Amino acid sequence: MPVISRFYGLVIKMYFSQKEHHPPHIHVKYGEYVCSIAIADGHIVDGKLPPKALLLAREWLELHRAEVQKIWDTQIFQSIPGLE
């Protein structure tokens, strides 16, 4: 699964498989926590993150939603800056 961003201990990845991966989402790992977050609205598709980590992941997604959606649509993976 390609890593598209890393910041504050969060690792943002995307995996694409037409059979099983709808709605479009990102995978976020933070320590032992793993969560899938929908690109369109930031809701949790699966898993769990601590509240502060979830807030940071959603803030990052809000800033980079168009870029993340483009990666999902084209399957051309690129690195996206983290939060500073």
PDB file of N, CA and C in Angstrom:
ATOM      1  N   MET A   1       0.856  -1.165   0.000  1.00  0.00           N
ATOM      2  CA  MET A   1       0.000   0.000   0.000  1.00  0.00           C
ATOM      3  C   MET A   1       0.906   1.233   0.000  1.00  0.00           C
ATOM      4  N   PRO A   2       0.849   2.055  -1.032  1.00  0.00           N
ATOM      5  CA  PRO A   2       1.715   3.236  -1.092  1.00  0.00           C
ATOM      6  C   PRO A   2       1.406   4.259   0.012  1.00  0.00           C
ATOM      7  N   VAL A   3       2.465   4.788   0.616  1.00  0.00           N
ATOM      8  CA  VAL A   3       2.345   5.844   1.611  1.00  0.00           C
ATOM      9  C   VAL A   3       2.278   7.166   0.861  1.00  0.00           C
ATOM     10  N   ILE A   4       1.230   7.967   1.149  1.00  0.00           N
ATOM     11  CA  ILE A   4       1.134   9.262   0.478  1.00  0.00           C
ATOM     12  C   ILE A   4       1.493  10.426   1.398  1.00  0.00           C
ATOM     13  N   SER A   5       1.503  10.184   2.721  1.00  0.00           N
ATOM     14  CA  SER A   5       1.924  11.246   3.633  1.00  0.00           C
ATOM     15  C   SER A   5       2.265  10.664   5.007  1.00  0.00           C
ATOM     16  N   ARG A   6       3.165  11.361   5.707  1.00  0.00           N
ATOM     17  CA  ARG A   6       3.532  11.025   7.096  1.00  0.00           C
ATOM     18  C   ARG A   6       3.684  12.327   7.867  1.00  0.00           C
ATOM     19  N   PHE A   7       3.092  12.377   9.035  1.00  0.00           N
ATOM     20  CA  PHE A   7       3.247  13.544   9.900  1.00  0.00           C
ATOM     21  C   PHE A   7       2.716  13.216  11.290  1.00  0.00           C
ATOM     22  N   TYR A   8       3.353  13.778  12.307  1.00  0.00           N
ATOM     23  CA  TYR A   8       2.946  13.626  13.712  1.00  0.00           C
ATOM     24  C   TYR A   8       2.622  12.190  14.106  1.00  0.00           C
ATOM     25  N   GLY A   9       3.339  11.230  13.564  1.00  0.00           N
ATOM     26  CA  GLY A   9       3.097   9.828  13.896  1.00  0.00           C
ATOM     27  C   GLY A   9       2.013   9.160  13.074  1.00  0.00           C
ATOM     28  N   LEU A  10       1.326   9.922  12.241  1.00  0.00           N
ATOM     29  CA  LEU A  10       0.297   9.356  11.362  1.00  0.00           C
ATOM     30  C   LEU A  10       0.935   8.934  10.045  1.00  0.00           C
ATOM     31  N   VAL A  11       0.507   7.813   9.517  1.00  0.00           N
ATOM     32  CA  VAL A  11       0.932   7.342   8.207  1.00  0.00           C
ATOM     33  C   VAL A  11      -0.331   7.210   7.364  1.00  0.00           C
ATOM     34  N   ILE A  12      -0.386   7.956   6.263  1.00  0.00           N
ATOM     35  CA  ILE A  12      -1.546   7.956   5.373  1.00  0.00           C
ATOM     36  C   ILE A  12      -1.200   7.123   4.149  1.00  0.00           C
ATOM     37  N   LYS A  13      -2.047   6.124   3.877  1.00  0.00           N
ATOM     38  CA  LYS A  13      -1.824   5.226   2.745  1.00  0.00           C
ATOM     39  C   LYS A  13      -3.096   5.143   1.906  1.00  0.00           C
ATOM     40  N   MET A  14      -2.921   4.640   0.699  1.00  0.00           N
ATOM     41  CA  MET A  14      -4.082   4.393  -0.152  1.00  0.00           C
ATOM     42  C   MET A  14      -3.862   3.074  -0.877  1.00  0.00           C
ATOM     43  N   TYR A  15      -4.908   2.287  -0.913  1.00  0.00           N
ATOM     44  CA  TYR A  15      -4.883   1.013  -1.597  1.00  0.00           C
ATOM     45  C   TYR A  15      -6.081   0.989  -2.516  1.00  0.00           C
ATOM     46  N   PHE A  16      -5.911   0.543  -3.733  1.00  0.00           N
ATOM     47  CA  PHE A  16      -7.027   0.574  -4.673  1.00  0.00           C
ATOM     48  C   PHE A  16      -7.304  -0.817  -5.209  1.00  0.00           C
ATOM     49  N   SER A  17      -8.523  -1.271  -5.029  1.00  0.00           N
ATOM     50  CA  SER A  17      -9.007  -2.521  -5.590  1.00  0.00           C
ATOM     51  C   SER A  17     -10.482  -2.321  -5.881  1.00  0.00           C
ATOM     52  N   GLN A  18     -10.870  -2.388  -7.123  1.00  0.00           N
ATOM     53  CA  GLN A  18     -12.246  -2.084  -7.506  1.00  0.00           C
ATOM     54  C   GLN A  18     -13.261  -2.979  -6.816  1.00  0.00           C
ATOM     55  N   LYS A  19     -12.916  -4.211  -6.520  1.00  0.00           N
ATOM     56  CA  LYS A  19     -13.862  -5.142  -5.924  1.00  0.00           C
ATOM     57  C   LYS A  19     -14.312  -4.737  -4.527  1.00  0.00           C
ATOM     58  N   GLU A  20     -13.381  -4.282  -3.716  1.00  0.00           N
ATOM     59  CA  GLU A  20     -13.699  -4.154  -2.303  1.00  0.00           C
ATOM     60  C   GLU A  20     -13.492  -2.776  -1.689  1.00  0.00           C
ATOM     61  N   HIS A  21     -13.138  -1.795  -2.460  1.00  0.00           N
ATOM     62  CA  HIS A  21     -12.760  -0.538  -1.839  1.00  0.00           C
ATOM     63  C   HIS A  21     -13.641   0.643  -2.212  1.00  0.00           C
ATOM     64  N   HIS A  22     -14.867   0.581  -1.824  1.00  0.00           N
ATOM     65  CA  HIS A  22     -15.770   1.716  -1.979  1.00  0.00           C
ATOM     66  C   HIS A  22     -16.414   1.976  -0.636  1.00  0.00           C
ATOM     67  N   PRO A  23     -16.653   3.157  -0.224  1.00  0.00           N
ATOM     68  CA  PRO A  23     -16.411   4.408  -0.933  1.00  0.00           C
ATOM     69  C   PRO A  23     -14.913   4.718  -0.998  1.00  0.00           C
ATOM     70  N   PRO A  24     -14.523   5.649  -1.868  1.00  0.00           N
ATOM     71  CA  PRO A  24     -13.115   6.052  -1.917  1.00  0.00           C
ATOM     72  C   PRO A  24     -12.647   6.504  -0.532  1.00  0.00           C
ATOM     73  N   HIS A  25     -11.492   6.004  -0.094  1.00  0.00           N
ATOM     74  CA  HIS A  25     -11.031   6.302   1.267  1.00  0.00           C
ATOM     75  C   HIS A  25      -9.521   6.208   1.356  1.00  0.00           C
ATOM     76  N   ILE A  26      -9.013   6.696   2.464  1.00  0.00           N
ATOM     77  CA  ILE A  26      -7.605   6.570   2.815  1.00  0.00           C
ATOM     78  C   ILE A  26      -7.500   5.660   4.034  1.00  0.00           C
ATOM     79  N   HIS A  27      -6.319   5.087   4.217  1.00  0.00           N
ATOM     80  CA  HIS A  27      -6.015   4.295   5.400  1.00  0.00           C
ATOM     81  C   HIS A  27      -5.061   5.110   6.252  1.00  0.00           C
ATOM     82  N   VAL A  28      -5.347   5.187   7.538  1.00  0.00           N
ATOM     83  CA  VAL A  28      -4.505   5.951   8.458  1.00  0.00           C
ATOM     84  C   VAL A  28      -4.028   5.017   9.562  1.00  0.00           C
ATOM     85  N   LYS A  29      -2.720   5.006   9.795  1.00  0.00           N
ATOM     86  CA  LYS A  29      -2.144   4.221  10.875  1.00  0.00           C
ATOM     87  C   LYS A  29      -1.520   5.184  11.876  1.00  0.00           C
ATOM     88  N   TYR A  30      -1.787   4.927  13.135  1.00  0.00           N
ATOM     89  CA  TYR A  30      -1.222   5.729  14.212  1.00  0.00           C
ATOM     90  C   TYR A  30      -0.912   4.773  15.358  1.00  0.00           C
ATOM     91  N   GLY A  31       0.373   4.432  15.528  1.00  0.00           N
ATOM     92  CA  GLY A  31       0.731   3.435  16.537  1.00  0.00           C
ATOM     93  C   GLY A  31       0.048   2.118  16.225  1.00  0.00           C
ATOM     94  N   GLU A  32      -0.674   1.582  17.190  1.00  0.00           N
ATOM     95  CA  GLU A  32      -1.378   0.324  16.983  1.00  0.00           C
ATOM     96  C   GLU A  32      -2.777   0.513  16.383  1.00  0.00           C
ATOM     97  N   TYR A  33      -3.175   1.758  16.176  1.00  0.00           N
ATOM     98  CA  TYR A  33      -4.506   2.059  15.631  1.00  0.00           C
ATOM     99  C   TYR A  33      -4.479   2.113  14.101  1.00  0.00           C
ATOM    100  N   VAL A  34      -5.553   1.629  13.501  1.00  0.00           N
ATOM    101  CA  VAL A  34      -5.720   1.677  12.053  1.00  0.00           C
ATOM    102  C   VAL A  34      -7.148   2.085  11.765  1.00  0.00           C
ATOM    103  N   CYS A  35      -7.314   2.954  10.770  1.00  0.00           N
ATOM    104  CA  CYS A  35      -8.633   3.484  10.459  1.00  0.00           C
ATOM    105  C   CYS A  35      -8.727   3.765   8.955  1.00  0.00           C
ATOM    106  N   SER A  36      -9.912   3.575   8.390  1.00  0.00           N
ATOM    107  CA  SER A  36     -10.183   3.978   7.016  1.00  0.00           C
ATOM    108  C   SER A  36     -11.133   5.165   7.076  1.00  0.00           C
ATOM    109  N   ILE A  37     -10.814   6.223   6.321  1.00  0.00           N
ATOM    110  CA  ILE A  37     -11.600   7.456   6.342  1.00  0.00           C
ATOM    111  C   ILE A  37     -12.042   7.791   4.929  1.00  0.00           C
ATOM    112  N   ALA A  38     -13.340   8.050   4.737  1.00  0.00           N
ATOM    113  CA  ALA A  38     -13.881   8.394   3.425  1.00  0.00           C
ATOM    114  C   ALA A  38     -13.318   9.723   2.944  1.00  0.00           C
ATOM    115  N   ILE A  39     -12.924   9.761   1.674  1.00  0.00           N
ATOM    116  CA  ILE A  39     -12.363  10.982   1.105  1.00  0.00           C
ATOM    117  C   ILE A  39     -13.422  12.075   1.021  1.00  0.00           C
ATOM    118  N   ALA A  40     -14.616  11.724   0.615  1.00  0.00           N
ATOM    119  CA  ALA A  40     -15.658  12.717   0.353  1.00  0.00           C
ATOM    120  C   ALA A  40     -16.057  13.542   1.570  1.00  0.00           C
ATOM    121  N   ASP A  41     -16.202  12.894   2.728  1.00  0.00           N
ATOM    122  CA  ASP A  41     -16.730  13.628   3.879  1.00  0.00           C
ATOM    123  C   ASP A  41     -15.996  13.389   5.193  1.00  0.00           C
ATOM    124  N   GLY A  42     -14.946  12.571   5.175  1.00  0.00           N
ATOM    125  CA  GLY A  42     -14.151  12.360   6.373  1.00  0.00           C
ATOM    126  C   GLY A  42     -14.756  11.419   7.398  1.00  0.00           C
ATOM    127  N   HIS A  43     -15.845  10.714   7.051  1.00  0.00           N
ATOM    128  CA  HIS A  43     -16.411   9.796   8.047  1.00  0.00           C
ATOM    129  C   HIS A  43     -15.578   8.518   8.121  1.00  0.00           C
ATOM    130  N   ILE A  44     -15.621   7.869   9.267  1.00  0.00           N
ATOM    131  CA  ILE A  44     -14.879   6.635   9.474  1.00  0.00           C
ATOM    132  C   ILE A  44     -15.602   5.506   8.757  1.00  0.00           C
ATOM    133  N   VAL A  45     -14.890   4.844   7.872  1.00  0.00           N
ATOM    134  CA  VAL A  45     -15.431   3.698   7.146  1.00  0.00           C
ATOM    135  C   VAL A  45     -15.223   2.435   7.980  1.00  0.00           C
ATOM    136  N   ASP A  46     -14.052   2.353   8.611  1.00  0.00           N
ATOM    137  CA  ASP A  46     -13.718   1.171   9.390  1.00  0.00           C
ATOM    138  C   ASP A  46     -12.580   1.522  10.345  1.00  0.00           C
ATOM    139  N   GLY A  47     -12.524   0.858  11.481  1.00  0.00           N
ATOM    140  CA  GLY A  47     -11.425   1.028  12.413  1.00  0.00           C
ATOM    141  C   GLY A  47     -11.630   2.158  13.399  1.00  0.00           C
ATOM    142  N   LYS A  48     -10.515   2.560  14.015  1.00  0.00           N
ATOM    143  CA  LYS A  48     -10.585   3.555  15.090  1.00  0.00           C
ATOM    144  C   LYS A  48      -9.243   4.258  15.223  1.00  0.00           C
ATOM    145  N   LEU A  49      -9.309   5.532  15.569  1.00  0.00           N
ATOM    146  CA  LEU A  49      -8.131   6.330  15.913  1.00  0.00           C
ATOM    147  C   LEU A  49      -8.428   7.082  17.197  1.00  0.00           C
ATOM    148  N   PRO A  50      -7.405   7.411  17.978  1.00  0.00           N
ATOM    149  CA  PRO A  50      -7.626   8.297  19.126  1.00  0.00           C
ATOM    150  C   PRO A  50      -8.180   9.637  18.618  1.00  0.00           C
ATOM    151  N   PRO A  51      -8.979  10.321  19.420  1.00  0.00           N
ATOM    152  CA  PRO A  51      -9.621  11.563  18.969  1.00  0.00           C
ATOM    153  C   PRO A  51      -8.675  12.595  18.362  1.00  0.00           C
ATOM    154  N   LYS A  52      -7.535  12.851  18.987  1.00  0.00           N
ATOM    155  CA  LYS A  52      -6.617  13.863  18.456  1.00  0.00           C
ATOM    156  C   LYS A  52      -6.036  13.419  17.106  1.00  0.00           C
ATOM    157  N   ALA A  53      -5.684  12.151  16.966  1.00  0.00           N
ATOM    158  CA  ALA A  53      -5.159  11.639  15.698  1.00  0.00           C
ATOM    159  C   ALA A  53      -6.226  11.729  14.610  1.00  0.00           C
ATOM    160  N   LEU A  54      -7.466  11.421  14.945  1.00  0.00           N
ATOM    161  CA  LEU A  54      -8.565  11.520  13.979  1.00  0.00           C
ATOM    162  C   LEU A  54      -8.759  12.972  13.543  1.00  0.00           C
ATOM    163  N   LEU A  55      -8.687  13.884  14.479  1.00  0.00           N
ATOM    164  CA  LEU A  55      -8.814  15.305  14.164  1.00  0.00           C
ATOM    165  C   LEU A  55      -7.714  15.739  13.187  1.00  0.00           C
ATOM    166  N   LEU A  56      -6.475  15.335  13.439  1.00  0.00           N
ATOM    167  CA  LEU A  56      -5.363  15.677  12.550  1.00  0.00           C
ATOM    168  C   LEU A  56      -5.537  15.063  11.166  1.00  0.00           C
ATOM    169  N   ALA A  57      -5.958  13.810  11.106  1.00  0.00           N
ATOM    170  CA  ALA A  57      -6.169  13.141   9.819  1.00  0.00           C
ATOM    171  C   ALA A  57      -7.266  13.844   9.025  1.00  0.00           C
ATOM    172  N   ARG A  58      -8.339  14.212   9.692  1.00  0.00           N
ATOM    173  CA  ARG A  58      -9.432  14.908   8.993  1.00  0.00           C
ATOM    174  C   ARG A  58      -9.009  16.306   8.547  1.00  0.00           C
ATOM    175  N   GLU A  59      -8.211  16.991   9.360  1.00  0.00           N
ATOM    176  CA  GLU A  59      -7.717  18.316   8.974  1.00  0.00           C
ATOM    177  C   GLU A  59      -6.837  18.204   7.724  1.00  0.00           C
ATOM    178  N   TRP A  60      -5.946  17.203   7.715  1.00  0.00           N
ATOM    179  CA  TRP A  60      -5.090  16.977   6.552  1.00  0.00           C
ATOM    180  C   TRP A  60      -5.935  16.666   5.317  1.00  0.00           C
ATOM    181  N   LEU A  61      -6.934  15.802   5.483  1.00  0.00           N
ATOM    182  CA  LEU A  61      -7.787  15.428   4.359  1.00  0.00           C
ATOM    183  C   LEU A  61      -8.545  16.644   3.826  1.00  0.00           C
ATOM    184  N   GLU A  62      -9.024  17.490   4.706  1.00  0.00           N
ATOM    185  CA  GLU A  62      -9.740  18.706   4.281  1.00  0.00           C
ATOM    186  C   GLU A  62      -8.832  19.593   3.421  1.00  0.00           C
ATOM    187  N   LEU A  63      -7.571  19.708   3.811  1.00  0.00           N
ATOM    188  CA  LEU A  63      -6.622  20.547   3.063  1.00  0.00           C
ATOM    189  C   LEU A  63      -6.228  19.943   1.713  1.00  0.00           C
ATOM    190  N   HIS A  64      -6.241  18.623   1.623  1.00  0.00           N
ATOM    191  CA  HIS A  64      -5.711  17.941   0.439  1.00  0.00           C
ATOM    192  C   HIS A  64      -6.746  17.064  -0.275  1.00  0.00           C
ATOM    193  N   ARG A  65      -8.019  17.306  -0.020  1.00  0.00           N
ATOM    194  CA  ARG A  65      -9.083  16.447  -0.570  1.00  0.00           C
ATOM    195  C   ARG A  65      -8.993  16.293  -2.090  1.00  0.00           C
ATOM    196  N   ALA A  66      -8.794  17.379  -2.812  1.00  0.00           N
ATOM    197  CA  ALA A  66      -8.744  17.311  -4.278  1.00  0.00           C
ATOM    198  C   ALA A  66      -7.566  16.455  -4.745  1.00  0.00           C
ATOM    199  N   GLU A  67      -6.402  16.617  -4.105  1.00  0.00           N
ATOM    200  CA  GLU A  67      -5.227  15.824  -4.475  1.00  0.00           C
ATOM    201  C   GLU A  67      -5.443  14.340  -4.183  1.00  0.00           C
ATOM    202  N   VAL A  68      -6.038  14.056  -3.026  1.00  0.00           N
ATOM    203  CA  VAL A  68      -6.292  12.670  -2.632  1.00  0.00           C
ATOM    204  C   VAL A  68      -7.312  12.032  -3.578  1.00  0.00           C
ATOM    205  N   GLN A  69      -8.346  12.768  -3.923  1.00  0.00           N
ATOM    206  CA  GLN A  69      -9.349  12.239  -4.852  1.00  0.00           C
ATOM    207  C   GLN A  69      -8.720  11.966  -6.221  1.00  0.00           C
ATOM    208  N   LYS A  70      -7.811  12.831  -6.647  1.00  0.00           N
ATOM    209  CA  LYS A  70      -7.135  12.634  -7.924  1.00  0.00           C
ATOM    210  C   LYS A  70      -6.299  11.348  -7.904  1.00  0.00           C
ATOM    211  N   ILE A  71      -5.616  11.100  -6.792  1.00  0.00           N
ATOM    212  CA  ILE A  71      -4.856   9.859  -6.659  1.00  0.00           C
ATOM    213  C   ILE A  71      -5.794   8.666  -6.763  1.00  0.00           C
ATOM    214  N   TRP A  72      -6.923   8.731  -6.075  1.00  0.00           N
ATOM    215  CA  TRP A  72      -7.902   7.635  -6.121  1.00  0.00           C
ATOM    216  C   TRP A  72      -8.384   7.418  -7.557  1.00  0.00           C
ATOM    217  N   ASP A  73      -8.709   8.497  -8.246  1.00  0.00           N
ATOM    218  CA  ASP A  73      -9.277   8.396  -9.598  1.00  0.00           C
ATOM    219  C   ASP A  73      -8.269   7.910 -10.636  1.00  0.00           C
ATOM    220  N   THR A  74      -7.028   8.362 -10.528  1.00  0.00           N
ATOM    221  CA  THR A  74      -6.030   8.057 -11.555  1.00  0.00           C
ATOM    222  C   THR A  74      -5.134   6.878 -11.196  1.00  0.00           C
ATOM    223  N   GLN A  75      -5.052   6.555  -9.925  1.00  0.00           N
ATOM    224  CA  GLN A  75      -4.139   5.539  -9.399  1.00  0.00           C
ATOM    225  C   GLN A  75      -2.680   5.902  -9.668  1.00  0.00           C
ATOM    226  N   ILE A  76      -2.417   7.189  -9.817  1.00  0.00           N
ATOM    227  CA  ILE A  76      -1.051   7.688  -9.932  1.00  0.00           C
ATOM    228  C   ILE A  76      -0.674   8.244  -8.564  1.00  0.00           C
ATOM    229  N   PHE A  77       0.123   7.493  -7.843  1.00  0.00           N
ATOM    230  CA  PHE A  77       0.433   7.846  -6.470  1.00  0.00           C
ATOM    231  C   PHE A  77       1.536   8.886  -6.401  1.00  0.00           C
ATOM    232  N   GLN A  78       1.356   9.834  -5.490  1.00  0.00           N
ATOM    233  CA  GLN A  78       2.338  10.883  -5.265  1.00  0.00           C
ATOM    234  C   GLN A  78       2.370  11.190  -3.784  1.00  0.00           C
ATOM    235  N   SER A  79       3.446  11.778  -3.344  1.00  0.00           N
ATOM    236  CA  SER A  79       3.578  12.179  -1.958  1.00  0.00           C
ATOM    237  C   SER A  79       2.859  13.521  -1.757  1.00  0.00           C
ATOM    238  N   ILE A  80       2.159  13.639  -0.637  1.00  0.00           N
ATOM    239  CA  ILE A  80       1.467  14.875  -0.291  1.00  0.00           C
ATOM    240  C   ILE A  80       2.029  15.340   1.050  1.00  0.00           C
ATOM    241  N   PRO A  81       2.351  16.630   1.169  1.00  0.00           N
ATOM    242  CA  PRO A  81       2.921  17.110   2.436  1.00  0.00           C
ATOM    243  C   PRO A  81       1.986  16.883   3.630  1.00  0.00           C
ATOM    244  N   GLY A  82       2.595  16.684   4.775  1.00  0.00           N
ATOM    245  CA  GLY A  82       1.830  16.546   6.007  1.00  0.00           C
ATOM    246  C   GLY A  82       1.480  17.912   6.591  1.00  0.00           C
ATOM    247  N   LEU A  83       0.850  17.882   7.743  1.00  0.00           N
ATOM    248  CA  LEU A  83       0.556  19.136   8.448  1.00  0.00           C
ATOM    249  C   LEU A  83       1.836  19.644   9.099  1.00  0.00           C
ATOM    250  N   GLU A  84       1.941  20.938   9.207  1.00  0.00           N
ATOM    251  CA  GLU A  84       3.117  21.529   9.878  1.00  0.00           C
ATOM    252  C   GLU A  84       2.704  22.288  11.107  1.00  0.00           C
TER     253      GLU A  84
END
